[in-house]
Each structure stands twice: as C-alpha cells, then as structure tokens.
C-alpha atoms as a PDB file:
ATOM      1  CA  MET A   1     125.307 118.372  73.218  1.00  0.00           C
ATOM      2  CA  THR A   2     123.319 117.633  70.085  1.00  0.00           C
ATOM      3  CA  ASP A   3     123.359 120.220  67.321  1.00  0.00           C
ATOM      4  CA  PRO A   4     119.860 121.054  65.989  1.00  0.00           C
ATOM      5  CA  ALA A   5     121.502 122.192  62.744  1.00  0.00           C
ATOM      6  CA  ASN A   6     122.998 118.709  62.189  1.00  0.00           C
ATOM      7  CA  PRO A   7     120.563 115.792  61.850  1.00  0.00           C
ATOM      8  CA  LEU A   8     123.286 113.208  62.560  1.00  0.00           C
ATOM      9  CA  VAL A   9     124.803 111.920  65.790  1.00  0.00           C
ATOM     10  CA  SER A  10     127.789 109.599  66.092  1.00  0.00           C
ATOM     11  CA  THR A  11     127.871 106.148  67.639  1.00  0.00           C
ATOM     12  CA  GLU A  12     130.321 107.493  70.216  1.00  0.00           C
ATOM     13  CA  TRP A  13     127.920 110.273  71.232  1.00  0.00           C
ATOM     14  CA  LEU A  14     124.966 107.906  71.535  1.00  0.00           C
ATOM     15  CA  GLU A  15     126.789 105.368  73.705  1.00  0.00           C
ATOM     16  CA  LYS A  16     127.898 108.154  76.052  1.00  0.00           C
ATOM     17  CA  ASN A  17     124.327 109.459  76.283  1.00  0.00           C
ATOM     18  CA  LEU A  18     122.251 106.267  76.432  1.00  0.00           C
ATOM     19  CA  ALA A  19     121.433 106.887  80.081  1.00  0.00           C
ATOM     20  CA  THR A  20     120.654 110.594  79.621  1.00  0.00           C
ATOM     21  CA  PRO A  21     117.039 111.068  80.814  1.00  0.00           C
ATOM     22  CA  ASP A  22     115.742 112.916  77.739  1.00  0.00           C
ATOM     23  CA  VAL A  23     117.373 110.671  75.089  1.00  0.00           C
ATOM     24  CA  ARG A  24     115.141 108.119  73.361  1.00  0.00           C
ATOM     25  CA  VAL A  25     116.443 105.586  70.838  1.00  0.00           C
ATOM     26  CA  VAL A  26     114.339 104.240  67.964  1.00  0.00           C
ATOM     27  CA  ASP A  27     114.887 101.229  65.704  1.00  0.00           C
ATOM     28  CA  ALA A  28     113.287 102.136  62.362  1.00  0.00           C
ATOM     29  CA  THR A  29     114.432  99.165  60.286  1.00  0.00           C
ATOM     30  CA  TYR A  30     112.293  98.512  57.207  1.00  0.00           C
ATOM     31  CA  TYR A  31     112.387  95.866  54.474  1.00  0.00           C
ATOM     32  CA  LEU A  32     110.927  96.074  50.973  1.00  0.00           C
ATOM     33  CA  PRO A  33     108.241  93.510  50.069  1.00  0.00           C
ATOM     34  CA  VAL A  34     110.754  91.593  47.908  1.00  0.00           C
ATOM     35  CA  GLU A  35     113.336  91.389  50.697  1.00  0.00           C
ATOM     36  CA  ASP A  36     113.653  88.500  53.106  1.00  0.00           C
ATOM     37  CA  GLY A  37     113.573  90.241  56.440  1.00  0.00           C
ATOM     38  CA  ASP A  38     111.432  90.613  59.547  1.00  0.00           C
ATOM     39  CA  ALA A  39     112.368  93.934  61.108  1.00  0.00           C
ATOM     40  CA  ARG A  40     110.384  93.469  64.310  1.00  0.00           C
ATOM     41  CA  ALA A  41     111.703  89.952  64.934  1.00  0.00           C
ATOM     42  CA  GLU A  42     115.262  91.136  64.391  1.00  0.00           C
ATOM     43  CA  TYR A  43     114.655  94.028  66.777  1.00  0.00           C
ATOM     44  CA  GLU A  44     113.422  91.606  69.432  1.00  0.00           C
ATOM     45  CA  GLN A  45     116.564  89.502  68.994  1.00  0.00           C
ATOM     46  CA  GLU A  46     118.925  92.457  69.390  1.00  0.00           C
ATOM     47  CA  HIS A  47     118.662  96.212  69.656  1.00  0.00           C
ATOM     48  CA  ILE A  48     120.487  99.154  71.118  1.00  0.00           C
ATOM     49  CA  PRO A  49     119.641  99.246  74.847  1.00  0.00           C
ATOM     50  CA  GLU A  50     116.242 100.834  75.584  1.00  0.00           C
ATOM     51  CA  ALA A  51     115.457 101.329  71.893  1.00  0.00           C
ATOM     52  CA  VAL A  52     111.800 101.103  70.890  1.00  0.00           C
ATOM     53  CA  PHE A  53     110.628  99.723  67.536  1.00  0.00           C
ATOM     54  CA  PHE A  54     109.005 102.175  65.107  1.00  0.00           C
ATOM     55  CA  ASP A  55     106.955 100.145  62.628  1.00  0.00           C
ATOM     56  CA  ILE A  56     106.841 102.210  59.433  1.00  0.00           C
ATOM     57  CA  ASP A  57     104.102  99.981  58.012  1.00  0.00           C
ATOM     58  CA  ALA A  58     101.932 100.463  61.118  1.00  0.00           C
ATOM     59  CA  ILE A  59     102.359 104.184  61.791  1.00  0.00           C
ATOM     60  CA  LYS A  60     100.674 105.241  58.571  1.00  0.00           C
ATOM     61  CA  ASP A  61      97.422 106.372  56.977  1.00  0.00           C
ATOM     62  CA  ASP A  62      95.253 103.230  57.167  1.00  0.00           C
ATOM     63  CA  SER A  63      92.673 104.769  54.843  1.00  0.00           C
ATOM     64  CA  ASN A  64      95.183 104.903  51.963  1.00  0.00           C
ATOM     65  CA  SER A  65      96.016 101.736  50.014  1.00  0.00           C
ATOM     66  CA  LEU A  66      99.473 103.051  49.093  1.00  0.00           C
ATOM     67  CA  PRO A  67     102.344 101.805  51.276  1.00  0.00           C
ATOM     68  CA  HIS A  68     103.108 103.620  54.549  1.00  0.00           C
ATOM     69  CA  MET A  69     101.633 106.986  53.613  1.00  0.00           C
ATOM     70  CA  LEU A  70     101.974 109.754  56.182  1.00  0.00           C
ATOM     71  CA  PRO A  71      99.264 109.474  58.875  1.00  0.00           C
ATOM     72  CA  SER A  72      97.225 112.337  60.261  1.00  0.00           C
ATOM     73  CA  PRO A  73      98.772 114.382  63.085  1.00  0.00           C
ATOM     74  CA  GLU A  74      96.311 112.778  65.513  1.00  0.00           C
ATOM     75  CA  VAL A  75      97.244 109.230  64.528  1.00  0.00           C
ATOM     76  CA  PHE A  76     100.968 109.989  64.574  1.00  0.00           C
ATOM     77  CA  SER A  77     100.704 111.575  68.007  1.00  0.00           C
ATOM     78  CA  SER A  78      98.696 108.639  69.360  1.00  0.00           C
ATOM     79  CA  LYS A  79     101.176 106.065  68.045  1.00  0.00           C
ATOM     80  CA  VAL A  80     104.457 107.705  69.058  1.00  0.00           C
ATOM     81  CA  ARG A  81     103.341 108.743  72.532  1.00  0.00           C
ATOM     82  CA  LYS A  82     102.838 105.057  73.339  1.00  0.00           C
ATOM     83  CA  LEU A  83     106.487 104.537  72.374  1.00  0.00           C
ATOM     84  CA  GLY A  84     107.533 107.119  74.947  1.00  0.00           C
ATOM     85  CA  LEU A  85     108.435 109.600  72.204  1.00  0.00           C
ATOM     86  CA  GLY A  86     107.107 112.989  73.118  1.00  0.00           C
ATOM     87  CA  ASP A  87     107.684 116.629  73.840  1.00  0.00           C
ATOM     88  CA  GLY A  88     111.028 117.383  75.429  1.00  0.00           C
ATOM     89  CA  THR A  89     112.745 114.205  74.223  1.00  0.00           C
ATOM     90  CA  ARG A  90     115.838 113.950  72.035  1.00  0.00           C
ATOM     91  CA  ILE A  91     115.089 111.162  69.582  1.00  0.00           C
ATOM     92  CA  VAL A  92     117.869 109.186  67.885  1.00  0.00           C
ATOM     93  CA  VAL A  93     116.786 106.911  65.033  1.00  0.00           C
ATOM     94  CA  TYR A  94     118.757 104.046  63.515  1.00  0.00           C
ATOM     95  CA  ASP A  95     118.211 101.108  61.175  1.00  0.00           C
ATOM     96  CA  ARG A  96     119.899  97.768  60.496  1.00  0.00           C
ATOM     97  CA  LYS A  97     121.030  98.737  56.992  1.00  0.00           C
ATOM     98  CA  GLY A  98     122.895 101.888  58.021  1.00  0.00           C
ATOM     99  CA  LEU A  99     121.052 104.848  56.521  1.00  0.00           C
ATOM    100  CA  MET A 100     118.131 103.439  54.570  1.00  0.00           C
ATOM    101  CA  SER A 101     114.898 103.869  56.544  1.00  0.00           C
ATOM    102  CA  ALA A 102     115.999 105.844  59.614  1.00  0.00           C
ATOM    103  CA  PRO A 103     115.877 109.147  57.666  1.00  0.00           C
ATOM    104  CA  ARG A 104     112.207 108.453  56.872  1.00  0.00           C
ATOM    105  CA  VAL A 105     111.337 108.456  60.569  1.00  0.00           C
ATOM    106  CA  TRP A 106     113.538 111.529  61.092  1.00  0.00           C
ATOM    107  CA  TRP A 107     111.531 113.235  58.341  1.00  0.00           C
ATOM    108  CA  MET A 108     108.191 112.170  59.821  1.00  0.00           C
ATOM    109  CA  PHE A 109     109.032 113.709  63.183  1.00  0.00           C
ATOM    110  CA  ARG A 110     110.182 116.889  61.466  1.00  0.00           C
ATOM    111  CA  VAL A 111     106.942 117.024  59.459  1.00  0.00           C
ATOM    112  CA  PHE A 112     104.994 116.888  62.713  1.00  0.00           C
ATOM    113  CA  GLY A 113     107.014 119.678  64.299  1.00  0.00           C
ATOM    114  CA  HIS A 114     109.539 117.805  66.448  1.00  0.00           C
ATOM    115  CA  ARG A 115     112.946 119.378  65.784  1.00  0.00           C
ATOM    116  CA  ASP A 116     114.977 117.436  68.357  1.00  0.00           C
ATOM    117  CA  VAL A 117     115.324 114.298  66.244  1.00  0.00           C
ATOM    118  CA  TYR A 118     118.524 112.784  64.830  1.00  0.00           C
ATOM    119  CA  VAL A 119     119.800 109.845  62.798  1.00  0.00           C
ATOM    120  CA  LEU A 120     122.597 107.576  64.020  1.00  0.00           C
ATOM    121  CA  ASP A 121     125.363 107.953  61.450  1.00  0.00           C
ATOM    122  CA  GLY A 122     126.297 104.498  60.159  1.00  0.00           C
ATOM    123  CA  GLY A 123     123.330 102.921  61.924  1.00  0.00           C
ATOM    124  CA  LEU A 124     123.386  99.511  63.562  1.00  0.00           C
ATOM    125  CA  PRO A 125     126.125  98.104  61.269  1.00  0.00           C
ATOM    126  CA  LYS A 126     128.624 100.668  62.574  1.00  0.00           C
ATOM    127  CA  TRP A 127     127.404 100.252  66.156  1.00  0.00           C
ATOM    128  CA  LYS A 128     127.928  96.476  65.981  1.00  0.00           C
ATOM    129  CA  ALA A 129     131.274  96.751  64.189  1.00  0.00           C
ATOM    130  CA  GLU A 130     132.491  98.892  67.090  1.00  0.00           C
ATOM    131  CA  GLN A 131     131.197  96.275  69.567  1.00  0.00           C
ATOM    132  CA  ARG A 132     128.950  98.713  71.357  1.00  0.00           C
ATOM    133  CA  PRO A 133     126.245  97.380  73.701  1.00  0.00           C
ATOM    134  CA  LEU A 134     123.213  95.460  72.499  1.00  0.00           C
ATOM    135  CA  ASP A 135     120.477  93.602  74.323  1.00  0.00           C
ATOM    136  CA  ASP A 136     117.281  91.662  73.742  1.00  0.00           C
ATOM    137  CA  HIS A 137     115.308  92.897  76.740  1.00  0.00           C
ATOM    138  CA  PRO A 138     111.691  93.911  76.116  1.00  0.00           C
ATOM    139  CA  VAL A 139     111.334  97.691  76.355  1.00  0.00           C
ATOM    140  CA  LEU A 140     108.260  99.029  78.180  1.00  0.00           C
ATOM    141  CA  PRO A 141     108.252 102.780  77.571  1.00  0.00           C
ATOM    142  CA  GLU A 142     106.345 105.218  79.709  1.00  0.00           C
ATOM    143  CA  GLU A 143     103.742 107.030  77.615  1.00  0.00           C
ATOM    144  CA  ARG A 144     104.624 110.649  76.952  1.00  0.00           C
ATOM    145  CA  HIS A 145     102.569 113.468  75.429  1.00  0.00           C
ATOM    146  CA  PHE A 146     103.456 114.424  71.858  1.00  0.00           C
ATOM    147  CA  THR A 147     102.245 117.708  70.370  1.00  0.00           C
ATOM    148  CA  ALA A 148     101.931 117.298  66.600  1.00  0.00           C
ATOM    149  CA  ARG A 149     102.206 120.425  64.459  1.00  0.00           C
ATOM    150  CA  PHE A 150     101.816 119.442  60.811  1.00  0.00           C
ATOM    151  CA  ASP A 151     104.216 121.278  58.482  1.00  0.00           C
ATOM    152  CA  THR A 152     102.491 120.981  55.100  1.00  0.00           C
ATOM    153  CA  THR A 153     105.412 122.676  53.313  1.00  0.00           C
ATOM    154  CA  ARG A 154     107.436 119.461  53.687  1.00  0.00           C
ATOM    155  CA  VAL A 155     105.004 117.201  51.775  1.00  0.00           C
ATOM    156  CA  ARG A 156     103.846 116.988  48.151  1.00  0.00           C
ATOM    157  CA  ASP A 157     101.037 114.931  46.606  1.00  0.00           C
ATOM    158  CA  LEU A 158     100.396 113.612  43.104  1.00  0.00           C
ATOM    159  CA  ASN A 159      98.520 116.686  41.881  1.00  0.00           C
ATOM    160  CA  LYS A 160     101.333 118.982  42.979  1.00  0.00           C
ATOM    161  CA  ILE A 161     103.902 116.826  41.172  1.00  0.00           C
ATOM    162  CA  LEU A 162     101.757 116.621  38.047  1.00  0.00           C
ATOM    163  CA  GLY A 163     101.349 120.411  37.981  1.00  0.00           C
ATOM    164  CA  ASN A 164     105.062 120.862  38.541  1.00  0.00           C
ATOM    165  CA  ILE A 165     105.875 119.056  35.288  1.00  0.00           C
ATOM    166  CA  GLU A 166     104.418 122.088  33.508  1.00  0.00           C
ATOM    167  CA  SER A 167     105.436 124.855  35.896  1.00  0.00           C
ATOM    168  CA  LYS A 168     108.929 123.534  36.748  1.00  0.00           C
ATOM    169  CA  ALA A 169     108.668 125.528  39.975  1.00  0.00           C
ATOM    170  CA  GLU A 170     110.485 122.785  41.900  1.00  0.00           C
ATOM    171  CA  GLN A 171     113.180 120.287  40.954  1.00  0.00           C
ATOM    172  CA  LEU A 172     112.193 116.652  41.491  1.00  0.00           C
ATOM    173  CA  VAL A 173     115.143 114.525  42.640  1.00  0.00           C
ATOM    174  CA  ASP A 174     114.716 110.729  42.611  1.00  0.00           C
ATOM    175  CA  ALA A 175     116.634 108.562  45.113  1.00  0.00           C
ATOM    176  CA  ARG A 176     116.148 105.243  43.274  1.00  0.00           C
ATOM    177  CA  SER A 177     118.969 103.386  41.530  1.00  0.00           C
ATOM    178  CA  ALA A 178     119.974 104.475  38.031  1.00  0.00           C
ATOM    179  CA  GLY A 179     118.566 101.249  36.571  1.00  0.00           C
ATOM    180  CA  ARG A 180     115.123 101.895  38.011  1.00  0.00           C
ATOM    181  CA  PHE A 181     115.270 105.598  37.159  1.00  0.00           C
ATOM    182  CA  GLU A 182     116.129 104.830  33.517  1.00  0.00           C
ATOM    183  CA  GLY A 183     113.457 102.144  33.294  1.00  0.00           C
ATOM    184  CA  ARG A 184     115.941  99.308  32.720  1.00  0.00           C
ATOM    185  CA  ASP A 185     115.282  97.452  35.973  1.00  0.00           C
ATOM    186  CA  GLN A 186     112.031  96.031  37.279  1.00  0.00           C
ATOM    187  CA  GLU A 187     110.355  97.804  40.167  1.00  0.00           C
ATOM    188  CA  PRO A 188     110.178  95.948  43.515  1.00  0.00           C
ATOM    189  CA  TRP A 189     106.615  97.147  44.062  1.00  0.00           C
ATOM    190  CA  PRO A 190     104.139  94.807  42.314  1.00  0.00           C
ATOM    191  CA  GLY A 191     102.175  96.215  39.383  1.00  0.00           C
ATOM    192  CA  ARG A 192     104.313  99.317  38.922  1.00  0.00           C
ATOM    193  CA  GLN A 193     105.621 100.398  35.538  1.00  0.00           C
ATOM    194  CA  SER A 194     109.280 101.234  35.143  1.00  0.00           C
ATOM    195  CA  GLY A 195     110.686 104.663  34.378  1.00  0.00           C
ATOM    196  CA  ARG A 196     110.668 108.096  35.972  1.00  0.00           C
ATOM    197  CA  ILE A 197     108.611 111.240  36.373  1.00  0.00           C
ATOM    198  CA  PRO A 198     109.342 113.581  33.444  1.00  0.00           C
ATOM    199  CA  GLY A 199     112.009 116.198  34.105  1.00  0.00           C
ATOM    200  CA  SER A 200     113.303 114.577  37.285  1.00  0.00           C
ATOM    201  CA  TYR A 201     116.941 114.221  38.335  1.00  0.00           C
ATOM    202  CA  ASN A 202     118.613 111.101  39.717  1.00  0.00           C
ATOM    203  CA  VAL A 203     120.706 111.022  42.888  1.00  0.00           C
ATOM    204  CA  PRO A 204     120.660 107.404  44.159  1.00  0.00           C
ATOM    205  CA  TYR A 205     120.607 107.512  47.938  1.00  0.00           C
ATOM    206  CA  THR A 206     123.385 104.917  48.058  1.00  0.00           C
ATOM    207  CA  ASN A 207     125.685 107.482  46.408  1.00  0.00           C
ATOM    208  CA  LEU A 208     125.443 109.587  49.577  1.00  0.00           C
ATOM    209  CA  ILE A 209     126.993 106.872  51.758  1.00  0.00           C
ATOM    210  CA  ASP A 210     130.706 106.255  52.182  1.00  0.00           C
ATOM    211  CA  SER A 211     131.315 102.654  51.168  1.00  0.00           C
ATOM    212  CA  GLN A 212     134.084 102.150  53.718  1.00  0.00           C
ATOM    213  CA  SER A 213     132.550 103.604  56.882  1.00  0.00           C
ATOM    214  CA  GLY A 214     128.857 103.228  56.071  1.00  0.00           C
ATOM    215  CA  CYS A 215     128.404 106.830  57.210  1.00  0.00           C
ATOM    216  CA  LEU A 216     127.014 109.731  55.263  1.00  0.00           C
ATOM    217  CA  LYS A 217     129.634 111.388  53.089  1.00  0.00           C
ATOM    218  CA  ALA A 218     131.159 114.747  54.030  1.00  0.00           C
ATOM    219  CA  PRO A 219     129.171 117.867  53.001  1.00  0.00           C
ATOM    220  CA  ASP A 220     131.455 118.703  50.054  1.00  0.00           C
ATOM    221  CA  ALA A 221     131.018 115.200  48.662  1.00  0.00           C
ATOM    222  CA  LEU A 222     127.246 115.376  49.173  1.00  0.00           C
ATOM    223  CA  ARG A 223     127.142 118.682  47.350  1.00  0.00           C
ATOM    224  CA  ARG A 224     129.010 117.180  44.383  1.00  0.00           C
ATOM    225  CA  GLN A 225     126.521 114.329  44.110  1.00  0.00           C
ATOM    226  CA  PHE A 226     123.646 116.756  43.620  1.00  0.00           C
ATOM    227  CA  GLU A 227     125.536 119.182  41.402  1.00  0.00           C
ATOM    228  CA  ASP A 228     126.903 116.400  39.179  1.00  0.00           C
ATOM    229  CA  ALA A 229     123.306 115.242  38.642  1.00  0.00           C
ATOM    230  CA  GLY A 230     122.376 118.741  37.439  1.00  0.00           C
ATOM    231  CA  VAL A 231     120.503 119.817  40.572  1.00  0.00           C
ATOM    232  CA  ASP A 232     120.539 123.542  41.405  1.00  0.00           C
ATOM    233  CA  LEU A 233     121.094 123.733  45.165  1.00  0.00           C
ATOM    234  CA  GLN A 234     119.798 127.297  45.251  1.00  0.00           C
ATOM    235  CA  ALA A 235     116.350 126.336  43.933  1.00  0.00           C
ATOM    236  CA  PRO A 236     113.390 124.485  45.542  1.00  0.00           C
ATOM    237  CA  ILE A 237     113.616 120.692  45.605  1.00  0.00           C
ATOM    238  CA  VAL A 238     111.160 117.816  46.026  1.00  0.00           C
ATOM    239  CA  THR A 239     112.612 114.376  46.728  1.00  0.00           C
ATOM    240  CA  SER A 240     111.095 111.107  45.551  1.00  0.00           C
ATOM    241  CA  CYS A 241     111.936 107.382  45.481  1.00  0.00           C
ATOM    242  CA  GLY A 242     110.148 104.043  45.339  1.00  0.00           C
ATOM    243  CA  SER A 243     107.689 104.543  48.202  1.00  0.00           C
ATOM    244  CA  GLY A 244     108.788 107.614  50.161  1.00  0.00           C
ATOM    245  CA  ILE A 245     111.477 105.891  52.271  1.00  0.00           C
ATOM    246  CA  THR A 246     114.885 106.675  50.758  1.00  0.00           C
ATOM    247  CA  ALA A 247     113.650 110.045  49.472  1.00  0.00           C
ATOM    248  CA  ALA A 248     114.058 111.111  53.103  1.00  0.00           C
ATOM    249  CA  ALA A 249     117.786 110.315  52.927  1.00  0.00           C
ATOM    250  CA  LEU A 250     118.073 112.928  50.171  1.00  0.00           C
ATOM    251  CA  ALA A 251     116.047 115.374  52.271  1.00  0.00           C
ATOM    252  CA  MET A 252     118.370 114.783  55.221  1.00  0.00           C
ATOM    253  CA  ALA A 253     121.483 115.304  53.089  1.00  0.00           C
ATOM    254  CA  LEU A 254     120.031 118.538  51.733  1.00  0.00           C
ATOM    255  CA  ASP A 255     119.286 119.638  55.285  1.00  0.00           C
ATOM    256  CA  ILE A 256     122.949 119.113  56.142  1.00  0.00           C
ATOM    257  CA  LEU A 257     123.855 121.304  53.163  1.00  0.00           C
ATOM    258  CA  GLY A 258     121.661 124.064  54.571  1.00  0.00           C
ATOM    259  CA  HIS A 259     118.929 123.711  51.946  1.00  0.00           C
ATOM    260  CA  ARG A 260     115.658 124.547  53.680  1.00  0.00           C
ATOM    261  CA  ASP A 261     113.264 124.599  50.691  1.00  0.00           C
ATOM    262  CA  VAL A 262     112.864 120.822  50.487  1.00  0.00           C
ATOM    263  CA  ALA A 263     109.696 118.700  50.382  1.00  0.00           C
ATOM    264  CA  LEU A 264     109.061 114.983  49.845  1.00  0.00           C
ATOM    265  CA  TYR A 265     106.613 113.358  47.435  1.00  0.00           C
ATOM    266  CA  ASP A 266     105.044 110.865  49.810  1.00  0.00           C
ATOM    267  CA  GLY A 267     103.408 108.590  47.236  1.00  0.00           C
ATOM    268  CA  SER A 268     106.577 108.498  45.122  1.00  0.00           C
ATOM    269  CA  TRP A 269     106.875 105.798  42.448  1.00  0.00           C
ATOM    270  CA  ALA A 270     104.585 103.411  44.340  1.00  0.00           C
ATOM    271  CA  GLU A 271     101.818 105.844  43.403  1.00  0.00           C
ATOM    272  CA  TRP A 272     103.060 107.267  40.101  1.00  0.00           C
ATOM    273  CA  GLY A 273     104.083 103.939  38.562  1.00  0.00           C
ATOM    274  CA  LEU A 274     100.715 102.367  39.397  1.00  0.00           C
ATOM    275  CA  SER A 275      98.828 104.493  36.874  1.00  0.00           C
ATOM    276  CA  ASP A 276      98.830 104.085  33.087  1.00  0.00           C
ATOM    277  CA  LYS A 277      97.456 107.615  32.681  1.00  0.00           C
ATOM    278  CA  LEU A 278     100.423 109.549  34.055  1.00  0.00           C
ATOM    279  CA  PRO A 279     103.394 110.706  31.964  1.00  0.00           C
ATOM    280  CA  ILE A 280     106.479 108.507  32.258  1.00  0.00           C
ATOM    281  CA  GLU A 281     109.969 108.930  30.856  1.00  0.00           C
ATOM    282  CA  LYS A 282     112.553 106.216  30.308  1.00  0.00           C
ATOM    283  CA  GLY A 283     116.177 106.093  29.204  1.00  0.00           C
ATOM    284  CA  PRO A 284     117.184 106.879  25.606  1.00  0.00           C
ATOM    285  CA  GLU A 285     116.931 103.244  24.541  1.00  0.00           C
ATOM    286  CA  ALA A 286     113.259 103.215  25.615  1.00  0.00           C
ATOM    287  CA  SER A 287     112.287 106.733  24.486  1.00  0.00           C
ATOM    288  CA  ALA A 288     109.816 105.458  21.908  1.00  0.00           C
ATOM    289  CA  SER A 289     107.698 103.919  24.659  1.00  0.00           C
ATOM    290  CA  VAL A 290     107.334 107.065  26.752  1.00  0.00           C
ATOM    291  CA  SER A 291     103.742 107.633  27.783  1.00  0.00           C
ATOM    292  CA  THR A 292     102.390 111.177  27.581  1.00  0.00           C
ATOM    293  CA  GLU A 293      98.805 110.335  28.437  1.00  0.00           C
ATOM    294  CA  ARG A 294      97.594 111.819  31.672  1.00  0.00           C
END
C-alpha cells in the first residue's frame, strides 16, 4: 500500500508493484541548458519498464517566455492524459539524477489536484545500483481522463513575492547552492544577475539528500537543515530556486515534515534575476552592489 501522507516510495515497493493495474511510472529527467544531456534520448535507451517520459520543457505554458512555467489546467490535462496518467492512477515519478526534477512533476500533479502521486526515493541511480529491471521498449500508453483541479494556494508569482518583501507574511526559502545564493557563482540561466531575493533563506536541495544512499534524509535530519538555516517550520513558506525545479524538492521535504502551508515561486530566479529593476541581495563581500531599485 502507498501512504498518501508520504510522497516517497522505495525501489523495492515499485518493483513489486510494476504490474499492478493502477500504477503508472514516469521518467521526469531534466537537464539545465548548460548541461550536456538529452533526457528523452536517454529515456529511449533505458527506462523502468512501462515508464512514460514527462517532458518538463513541453508540458508548460507556451505563452510565457520563462522556462517551463506551469501550464493551464486544460493544457496539463490534455498532455498527461495522452501519457496514460489520469484519474484513479497511482503515479510514481523518478529521474536519472536521483531527486532533482522528479519532485517538480510530483508538485505539478499536486497543484492540479492529483493526490496519488509519489517520488521514487533514490531515483534511477538507486534502481540501477540494485540491478532492478530496465528496458528500451517503446511505451504506448492508453489515454486516460485526467480531471484537473487547480490549487492556487500552492503557487506564487512575482508580484506576490515582491509584496512579501515588505509584508514578510511568508518565508522565502531558496534551494540553489550557497555560491549562487550569495552571488559568488554565475547563474546557469543566460542573462541572469547573481544574488538572491531580499530576506530569503538558503537550504540547498542537495543538502536534503544522503550522500551515501542517494535517498532523501530522515525527517529529523531534514528538519535540522531548515532550522539551521533559520527557517521557522511553524510559519508559512514559499520555496524558490533557479527555475522552479529544485524548489519542489524543498516543498516535498516540507510535506514529509507535515508542513502544509507551502507554496512555490514558479518563476524563481529565472524570472527575478532577469530584471534590473527588482531588489537583489548578495553576500557580505558584495553588499555595496545590492540593488534596491524596483
């Protein structure tokens, strides 16, 4: 049995349930523009049996120039139903990096009202290390109806984040690396400034993953990561990152900790860092260059 209160499933559970009629497996591998990787080609070469490929850069809002912004409920429904992902299915999402982009697809399904969605703990690296089955057979899913119910409480836009700098009603937690958060390292998205949204906290998503197993850390260890960064786990939280991908890993970890007042800033730094009229903070060594112009 899957546990709706736990967004993770183990590799052992998935292998035992691959043939279960209502289980659907999804490869949600994604590569940044600066990375050398072709997620779809790699999926075609090998994937978990009967897995379908969820293209994050295709299931998006085509009217928005920002990368992979959340599509409308109608577009999402139309795209996923063709993948055989619909009402009454238990969806298990994985990616080739472990826990990088799979949480984004988990979050998208949750935004559109599908609760029976899970992430494979450890992802494809753990699955392969355990020598579990793989194949390269083309998957031809049977179309299935998907009822999209958009939960607007899970999403934030630029205006909400800008207003929150003044109101401080929600804590903004950034999943990027410390170097990017402090403005020391160059952004992988072309044309973006370096730095962070004023008042935000930093919990790099990689800090949530056990370096030995590749799985998400235990709840107590997850809790320490947020608390050590200064985050109040009793107060509302908005997660952010480079382009809305790894922010979902923070949202998933918070879900495991029982935190239900969590939203995601979909545009994230790909949107914020593009403008020279938005306030930006940097580390102490760069404090003189902080922009306060809106």
